[in-house]
Every structure is written in structure tokens, then in C-alpha cells.
Amino acid sequence: MKFVRPRRDQVEVNLTPLIDVVFLLLIFFMVSTTFETRQALELTLPESQAGAPVEQQPVSLSVDSSGVYRLGEQSLTSVQALHDALTSQVDAAREHGLVIEADATTAHADVVAALDQAALLGIQRVRIATRQGVQIHERAESP
């Protein structure tokens, strides 16, 4: 006796929704991930309207609110120590520039001392780091 077997449809797994979900997860993690490049100093940078991003990796000098300088991993407390540390990186600073990241509450004299040391070593491409801020509106003076 011959039994009629029911015809089985081939089982297919549709991968299109799975691929869509994987791409959505990938985009989510790419957008939501932040990469922190600063070491240990928390600085509040002053605002600028005409700032432009930097193309190359310049030498970065940080000045905190108490006047302590940081060049790379070195923490420097005097102007002479700053001069010695800048001397060791003067070639890179001359080629790619020097960026001074000073806290907004840093004394003006500490920033001028850093600029003076850069000038003494012949570093001509010096920039001061800022963060892009809100547009400043002029106040109308009352008579």
C-alpha cells in the first residue's frame, strides 16, 4: 500500500530583519559612544565665536585654575620647569604648533608666562583652545 506523504515546504530563515537590527545597533553605539582624550584635568574653556578645529595633532599645554601647567603626562609647577619641558618638545611644537588649554578662571599671568616661554623657544604657531559658545548679544545702555 502506498501512502501519500504530505509535501513539506522548505524551511527558510529570512535574515533581512536580523541584519536591519544589527545595523541599527551598530549605528546606535557609534552615535552614543564618546571618546575622552583629556587625561586628568577638568578645564572650563572660555568661549569663542571664530574658533576653528585643528587638522594636526599639536603639542598640548594645559593650565589649571591654580596655575599648574601640564604638558603631556608631566605636571609642572614653575615657569622654569615649563621651559625645560617645552625644550624637550620644541621640534614637535614648531612643526605642528602649540595649543594652550587654560581654564577660564586661570590668572592671566599664568597664560602670559606660557606664551612667553613659547616665544623664547621660537614656537610661532600658538593657539589658545576655546569651546564654541552661544552668540553674544550687545546690551542697550540706559540713559
N, C-alpha and C. Protein backbone atom coordinates (compact mmCIF):
# COMPACT_ATOMS: atom_id res chain seq x y z
N MET A 1 0.82 -1.16 0.00
CA MET A 1 0.00 0.00 0.00
C MET A 1 0.88 1.25 0.00
N LYS A 2 0.50 2.19 -0.76
CA LYS A 2 1.29 3.38 -0.95
C LYS A 2 0.61 4.54 -0.23
N PHE A 3 1.38 5.12 0.75
CA PHE A 3 0.82 6.26 1.47
C PHE A 3 1.26 7.55 0.81
N VAL A 4 0.38 8.47 0.80
CA VAL A 4 0.70 9.76 0.22
C VAL A 4 1.32 10.62 1.32
N ARG A 5 2.53 11.00 1.08
CA ARG A 5 3.21 11.86 2.05
C ARG A 5 2.86 13.31 1.78
N PRO A 6 2.57 14.04 2.85
CA PRO A 6 2.31 15.46 2.61
C PRO A 6 3.59 16.16 2.20
N ARG A 7 3.44 17.02 1.28
CA ARG A 7 4.61 17.74 0.76
C ARG A 7 5.04 18.79 1.78
N ARG A 8 6.31 18.75 2.12
CA ARG A 8 6.84 19.72 3.08
C ARG A 8 7.47 20.89 2.34
N ASP A 9 7.13 22.08 2.82
CA ASP A 9 7.77 23.26 2.26
C ASP A 9 9.15 23.39 2.88
N GLN A 10 10.06 23.87 2.08
CA GLN A 10 11.41 24.07 2.60
C GLN A 10 11.40 25.19 3.62
N VAL A 11 12.12 24.99 4.72
CA VAL A 11 12.18 25.98 5.77
C VAL A 11 13.23 27.02 5.38
N GLU A 12 12.84 28.30 5.41
CA GLU A 12 13.76 29.38 5.09
C GLU A 12 13.79 30.35 6.26
N VAL A 13 14.98 30.80 6.57
CA VAL A 13 15.13 31.81 7.60
C VAL A 13 15.41 33.13 6.89
N ASN A 14 14.55 34.08 7.12
CA ASN A 14 14.70 35.38 6.49
C ASN A 14 15.67 36.21 7.33
N LEU A 15 16.84 36.53 6.80
CA LEU A 15 17.87 37.26 7.54
C LEU A 15 17.76 38.77 7.42
N THR A 16 16.89 39.26 6.60
CA THR A 16 16.79 40.70 6.40
C THR A 16 16.44 41.45 7.69
N PRO A 17 15.44 41.02 8.47
CA PRO A 17 15.17 41.74 9.72
C PRO A 17 16.33 41.65 10.71
N LEU A 18 17.03 40.54 10.73
CA LEU A 18 18.16 40.38 11.63
C LEU A 18 19.29 41.34 11.25
N ILE A 19 19.54 41.47 9.97
CA ILE A 19 20.58 42.39 9.51
C ILE A 19 20.18 43.83 9.81
N ASP A 20 18.91 44.17 9.64
CA ASP A 20 18.45 45.52 9.96
C ASP A 20 18.66 45.84 11.44
N VAL A 21 18.36 44.90 12.31
CA VAL A 21 18.54 45.13 13.75
C VAL A 21 20.01 45.29 14.09
N VAL A 22 20.86 44.50 13.48
CA VAL A 22 22.30 44.60 13.75
C VAL A 22 22.82 45.96 13.29
N PHE A 23 22.41 46.43 12.14
CA PHE A 23 22.85 47.74 11.66
C PHE A 23 22.32 48.87 12.56
N LEU A 24 21.09 48.75 13.03
CA LEU A 24 20.56 49.76 13.94
C LEU A 24 21.34 49.79 15.25
N LEU A 25 21.70 48.63 15.77
CA LEU A 25 22.51 48.58 16.99
C LEU A 25 23.89 49.18 16.75
N LEU A 26 24.48 48.88 15.62
CA LEU A 26 25.79 49.41 15.29
C LEU A 26 25.74 50.94 15.21
N ILE A 27 24.74 51.47 14.54
CA ILE A 27 24.60 52.93 14.42
C ILE A 27 24.36 53.55 15.79
N PHE A 28 23.53 52.91 16.61
CA PHE A 28 23.27 53.43 17.96
C PHE A 28 24.55 53.53 18.77
N PHE A 29 25.37 52.49 18.77
CA PHE A 29 26.59 52.52 19.56
C PHE A 29 27.63 53.48 18.99
N MET A 30 27.65 53.63 17.67
CA MET A 30 28.59 54.59 17.08
C MET A 30 28.22 56.02 17.44
N VAL A 31 26.94 56.32 17.47
CA VAL A 31 26.49 57.67 17.78
C VAL A 31 26.58 57.98 19.27
N SER A 32 26.28 57.02 20.09
CA SER A 32 26.20 57.29 21.53
C SER A 32 27.54 57.15 22.25
N THR A 33 28.55 56.59 21.63
CA THR A 33 29.85 56.43 22.28
C THR A 33 30.64 57.72 22.20
N THR A 34 31.23 58.11 23.31
CA THR A 34 32.11 59.27 23.34
C THR A 34 33.51 58.80 23.68
N PHE A 35 34.47 59.44 23.07
CA PHE A 35 35.86 59.10 23.33
C PHE A 35 36.51 60.29 24.03
N GLU A 36 36.98 60.07 25.22
CA GLU A 36 37.58 61.13 26.02
C GLU A 36 39.08 61.12 25.80
N THR A 37 39.62 62.28 25.36
CA THR A 37 41.06 62.35 25.10
C THR A 37 41.82 63.08 26.19
N ARG A 38 41.14 63.79 27.04
CA ARG A 38 41.82 64.52 28.10
C ARG A 38 42.23 63.57 29.19
N GLN A 39 43.34 63.86 29.81
CA GLN A 39 43.88 62.96 30.83
C GLN A 39 43.17 63.11 32.17
N ALA A 40 43.57 64.08 32.98
CA ALA A 40 43.04 64.16 34.33
C ALA A 40 42.58 65.56 34.71
N LEU A 41 42.83 66.55 33.88
CA LEU A 41 42.47 67.91 34.25
C LEU A 41 41.05 68.21 33.78
N GLU A 42 40.28 68.79 34.67
CA GLU A 42 38.95 69.25 34.31
C GLU A 42 39.05 70.76 34.08
N LEU A 43 38.94 71.16 32.83
CA LEU A 43 39.06 72.57 32.48
C LEU A 43 37.74 73.10 31.97
N THR A 44 37.46 74.34 32.28
CA THR A 44 36.33 75.04 31.71
C THR A 44 36.91 76.04 30.72
N LEU A 45 36.83 75.70 29.43
CA LEU A 45 37.43 76.55 28.40
C LEU A 45 36.57 77.77 28.15
N PRO A 46 37.19 78.91 27.86
CA PRO A 46 36.41 80.09 27.51
C PRO A 46 35.77 79.92 26.14
N GLU A 47 34.75 80.70 25.88
CA GLU A 47 34.01 80.56 24.63
C GLU A 47 34.59 81.45 23.54
N SER A 48 34.38 81.03 22.27
CA SER A 48 34.85 81.78 21.13
C SER A 48 33.85 81.64 20.00
N GLN A 49 33.66 82.70 19.26
CA GLN A 49 32.75 82.67 18.12
C GLN A 49 33.47 82.33 16.83
N ALA A 50 34.76 82.63 16.73
CA ALA A 50 35.51 82.48 15.49
C ALA A 50 36.48 81.31 15.55
N GLY A 51 36.28 80.34 16.42
CA GLY A 51 37.19 79.21 16.56
C GLY A 51 37.08 78.27 15.38
N ALA A 52 38.18 77.57 15.10
CA ALA A 52 38.22 76.59 14.02
C ALA A 52 38.89 75.32 14.54
N PRO A 53 38.45 74.14 14.10
CA PRO A 53 39.07 72.91 14.56
C PRO A 53 40.49 72.76 14.02
N VAL A 54 41.30 71.98 14.72
CA VAL A 54 42.70 71.78 14.37
C VAL A 54 42.83 70.54 13.49
N GLU A 55 43.64 70.61 12.41
CA GLU A 55 43.79 69.49 11.50
C GLU A 55 44.83 68.49 12.00
N GLN A 56 45.94 68.98 12.56
CA GLN A 56 47.03 68.11 13.00
C GLN A 56 47.00 68.00 14.51
N GLN A 57 47.84 67.12 15.05
CA GLN A 57 47.93 66.96 16.49
C GLN A 57 49.05 67.83 17.03
N PRO A 58 48.73 69.01 17.53
CA PRO A 58 49.77 69.88 18.08
C PRO A 58 50.15 69.46 19.50
N VAL A 59 51.20 70.06 20.01
CA VAL A 59 51.60 69.84 21.39
C VAL A 59 50.59 70.58 22.26
N SER A 60 50.07 69.91 23.29
CA SER A 60 49.03 70.48 24.12
C SER A 60 49.57 70.83 25.50
N LEU A 61 49.37 72.07 25.91
CA LEU A 61 49.79 72.55 27.22
C LEU A 61 48.54 73.00 27.97
N SER A 62 48.29 72.40 29.13
CA SER A 62 47.12 72.75 29.93
C SER A 62 47.54 73.58 31.12
N VAL A 63 46.70 74.55 31.47
CA VAL A 63 46.93 75.38 32.65
C VAL A 63 45.64 75.34 33.46
N ASP A 64 45.73 74.84 34.71
CA ASP A 64 44.51 74.79 35.52
C ASP A 64 44.31 76.09 36.29
N SER A 65 43.24 76.18 37.03
CA SER A 65 42.87 77.43 37.68
C SER A 65 43.86 77.83 38.78
N SER A 66 44.65 76.89 39.30
CA SER A 66 45.62 77.23 40.34
C SER A 66 46.99 77.57 39.76
N GLY A 67 47.14 77.56 38.44
CA GLY A 67 48.40 77.93 37.80
C GLY A 67 49.36 76.78 37.59
N VAL A 68 48.90 75.55 37.71
CA VAL A 68 49.75 74.38 37.49
C VAL A 68 49.68 74.03 36.00
N TYR A 69 50.85 73.88 35.38
CA TYR A 69 50.94 73.54 33.96
C TYR A 69 50.99 72.03 33.81
N ARG A 70 50.47 71.53 32.69
CA ARG A 70 50.55 70.10 32.39
C ARG A 70 50.89 69.95 30.92
N LEU A 71 52.03 69.33 30.66
CA LEU A 71 52.50 69.09 29.30
C LEU A 71 52.64 67.59 29.14
N GLY A 72 51.71 66.99 28.40
CA GLY A 72 51.69 65.54 28.29
C GLY A 72 51.32 64.94 29.64
N GLU A 73 52.19 64.09 30.17
CA GLU A 73 51.96 63.47 31.47
C GLU A 73 52.65 64.22 32.60
N GLN A 74 53.42 65.24 32.27
CA GLN A 74 54.18 65.97 33.28
C GLN A 74 53.35 67.07 33.90
N SER A 75 53.40 67.15 35.22
CA SER A 75 52.76 68.24 35.95
C SER A 75 53.86 69.20 36.38
N LEU A 76 53.74 70.46 35.97
CA LEU A 76 54.80 71.44 36.18
C LEU A 76 54.27 72.59 37.03
N THR A 77 55.02 72.94 38.07
CA THR A 77 54.54 73.98 38.99
C THR A 77 55.29 75.30 38.86
N SER A 78 56.39 75.32 38.10
CA SER A 78 57.14 76.57 37.96
C SER A 78 57.35 76.89 36.48
N VAL A 79 57.69 78.14 36.22
CA VAL A 79 57.94 78.58 34.85
C VAL A 79 59.22 77.94 34.32
N GLN A 80 60.22 77.75 35.18
CA GLN A 80 61.47 77.11 34.76
C GLN A 80 61.22 75.65 34.36
N ALA A 81 60.39 74.95 35.13
CA ALA A 81 60.05 73.56 34.78
C ALA A 81 59.28 73.52 33.46
N LEU A 82 58.42 74.52 33.24
CA LEU A 82 57.70 74.61 31.97
C LEU A 82 58.67 74.83 30.82
N HIS A 83 59.65 75.70 31.01
CA HIS A 83 60.65 75.97 29.98
C HIS A 83 61.41 74.69 29.63
N ASP A 84 61.84 73.95 30.66
CA ASP A 84 62.59 72.71 30.43
C ASP A 84 61.74 71.67 29.70
N ALA A 85 60.47 71.55 30.09
CA ALA A 85 59.59 70.57 29.44
C ALA A 85 59.28 70.96 28.00
N LEU A 86 59.08 72.25 27.75
CA LEU A 86 58.83 72.70 26.38
C LEU A 86 60.07 72.53 25.50
N THR A 87 61.26 72.68 26.11
CA THR A 87 62.50 72.49 25.35
C THR A 87 62.60 71.07 24.81
N SER A 88 62.11 70.09 25.60
CA SER A 88 62.19 68.70 25.15
C SER A 88 61.22 68.41 24.00
N GLN A 89 60.19 69.23 23.83
CA GLN A 89 59.21 69.00 22.77
C GLN A 89 59.17 70.16 21.77
N VAL A 90 60.25 70.93 21.71
CA VAL A 90 60.23 72.15 20.89
C VAL A 90 60.13 71.83 19.39
N ASP A 91 60.74 70.73 18.93
CA ASP A 91 60.66 70.41 17.50
C ASP A 91 59.24 70.10 17.07
N ALA A 92 58.54 69.29 17.86
CA ALA A 92 57.15 68.95 17.54
C ALA A 92 56.26 70.19 17.63
N ALA A 93 56.53 71.06 18.61
CA ALA A 93 55.72 72.27 18.77
C ALA A 93 55.96 73.25 17.62
N ARG A 94 57.19 73.31 17.12
CA ARG A 94 57.47 74.20 15.98
C ARG A 94 56.81 73.68 14.71
N GLU A 95 56.79 72.36 14.55
CA GLU A 95 56.23 71.78 13.34
C GLU A 95 54.70 71.77 13.34
N HIS A 96 54.09 71.32 14.44
CA HIS A 96 52.63 71.17 14.49
C HIS A 96 51.93 72.26 15.29
N GLY A 97 52.67 73.06 16.01
CA GLY A 97 52.07 74.13 16.79
C GLY A 97 51.89 73.75 18.25
N LEU A 98 51.53 74.73 19.03
CA LEU A 98 51.30 74.55 20.47
C LEU A 98 49.90 75.06 20.78
N VAL A 99 49.12 74.23 21.48
CA VAL A 99 47.78 74.62 21.89
C VAL A 99 47.78 74.79 23.40
N ILE A 100 47.39 75.97 23.86
CA ILE A 100 47.31 76.23 25.30
C ILE A 100 45.85 76.10 25.70
N GLU A 101 45.58 75.15 26.59
CA GLU A 101 44.24 74.94 27.12
C GLU A 101 44.22 75.47 28.54
N ALA A 102 43.79 76.70 28.69
CA ALA A 102 43.76 77.33 30.01
C ALA A 102 42.34 77.36 30.53
N ASP A 103 42.20 77.07 31.81
CA ASP A 103 40.90 77.14 32.47
C ASP A 103 40.39 78.58 32.40
N ALA A 104 39.10 78.75 32.35
CA ALA A 104 38.52 80.09 32.24
C ALA A 104 38.82 80.95 33.46
N THR A 105 39.10 80.32 34.59
CA THR A 105 39.39 81.08 35.81
C THR A 105 40.88 81.18 36.09
N THR A 106 41.72 80.78 35.15
CA THR A 106 43.17 80.88 35.31
C THR A 106 43.60 82.34 35.31
N ALA A 107 44.59 82.64 36.13
CA ALA A 107 45.13 84.01 36.16
C ALA A 107 45.77 84.32 34.81
N HIS A 108 45.59 85.53 34.36
CA HIS A 108 46.13 85.97 33.06
C HIS A 108 47.65 85.84 33.04
N ALA A 109 48.30 86.06 34.17
CA ALA A 109 49.76 86.00 34.24
C ALA A 109 50.28 84.60 33.93
N ASP A 110 49.54 83.55 34.32
CA ASP A 110 49.97 82.18 34.04
C ASP A 110 49.93 81.88 32.54
N VAL A 111 48.92 82.38 31.87
CA VAL A 111 48.81 82.17 30.42
C VAL A 111 49.89 82.98 29.70
N VAL A 112 50.13 84.21 30.15
CA VAL A 112 51.17 85.04 29.54
C VAL A 112 52.54 84.41 29.75
N ALA A 113 52.78 83.79 30.91
CA ALA A 113 54.05 83.11 31.15
C ALA A 113 54.24 81.95 30.17
N ALA A 114 53.18 81.21 29.89
CA ALA A 114 53.26 80.11 28.92
C ALA A 114 53.52 80.64 27.52
N LEU A 115 52.84 81.72 27.15
CA LEU A 115 53.08 82.34 25.83
C LEU A 115 54.50 82.87 25.72
N ASP A 116 55.03 83.42 26.81
CA ASP A 116 56.39 83.96 26.83
C ASP A 116 57.42 82.85 26.64
N GLN A 117 57.21 81.72 27.32
CA GLN A 117 58.13 80.60 27.17
C GLN A 117 58.10 80.04 25.74
N ALA A 118 56.92 80.01 25.14
CA ALA A 118 56.82 79.55 23.75
C ALA A 118 57.57 80.50 22.82
N ALA A 119 57.46 81.79 23.06
CA ALA A 119 58.15 82.78 22.22
C ALA A 119 59.66 82.67 22.41
N LEU A 120 60.13 82.43 23.64
CA LEU A 120 61.56 82.28 23.88
C LEU A 120 62.15 81.09 23.13
N LEU A 121 61.35 80.04 22.95
CA LEU A 121 61.83 78.84 22.26
C LEU A 121 61.58 78.89 20.75
N GLY A 122 61.02 79.98 20.26
CA GLY A 122 60.82 80.12 18.82
C GLY A 122 59.60 79.40 18.29
N ILE A 123 58.65 79.09 19.16
CA ILE A 123 57.41 78.45 18.72
C ILE A 123 56.47 79.56 18.26
N GLN A 124 56.15 79.57 16.97
CA GLN A 124 55.38 80.66 16.41
C GLN A 124 53.91 80.33 16.23
N ARG A 125 53.59 79.06 16.08
CA ARG A 125 52.19 78.67 15.88
C ARG A 125 51.57 78.29 17.22
N VAL A 126 51.08 79.29 17.93
CA VAL A 126 50.49 79.08 19.25
C VAL A 126 49.00 79.40 19.16
N ARG A 127 48.18 78.49 19.65
CA ARG A 127 46.73 78.69 19.67
C ARG A 127 46.23 78.57 21.10
N ILE A 128 45.14 79.21 21.39
CA ILE A 128 44.50 79.08 22.68
C ILE A 128 43.19 78.35 22.47
N ALA A 129 43.01 77.23 23.18
CA ALA A 129 41.82 76.40 23.00
C ALA A 129 40.62 77.07 23.63
N THR A 130 39.51 77.00 22.91
CA THR A 130 38.24 77.51 23.41
C THR A 130 37.16 76.50 23.06
N ARG A 131 35.99 76.70 23.61
CA ARG A 131 34.85 75.89 23.19
C ARG A 131 33.87 76.82 22.52
N GLN A 132 33.12 76.29 21.55
CA GLN A 132 32.18 77.13 20.83
C GLN A 132 31.03 77.46 21.74
N GLY A 133 30.72 78.73 21.82
CA GLY A 133 29.70 79.17 22.77
C GLY A 133 28.50 79.76 22.10
N VAL A 134 27.68 80.34 22.91
CA VAL A 134 26.46 80.98 22.45
C VAL A 134 26.82 82.37 21.93
N GLN A 135 26.10 82.80 20.93
CA GLN A 135 26.40 84.10 20.35
C GLN A 135 26.13 85.20 21.39
N ILE A 136 27.03 86.16 21.43
CA ILE A 136 26.94 87.24 22.40
C ILE A 136 26.06 88.35 21.83
N HIS A 137 25.13 88.81 22.62
CA HIS A 137 24.24 89.90 22.21
C HIS A 137 24.67 91.16 22.95
N GLU A 138 24.65 92.28 22.24
CA GLU A 138 25.02 93.54 22.87
C GLU A 138 23.86 94.05 23.71
N ARG A 139 24.21 94.65 24.83
CA ARG A 139 23.18 95.21 25.70
C ARG A 139 22.98 96.68 25.34
N ALA A 140 21.77 97.12 25.38
CA ALA A 140 21.47 98.52 25.15
C ALA A 140 21.66 99.25 26.47
N GLU A 141 22.44 100.31 26.45
CA GLU A 141 22.69 101.06 27.68
C GLU A 141 21.54 102.01 27.93
N SER A 142 21.17 102.12 29.20
CA SER A 142 20.08 103.02 29.55
C SER A 142 20.65 104.40 29.87
N PRO A 143 19.96 105.46 29.47
CA PRO A 143 20.48 106.83 29.70
C PRO A 143 20.39 107.24 31.14
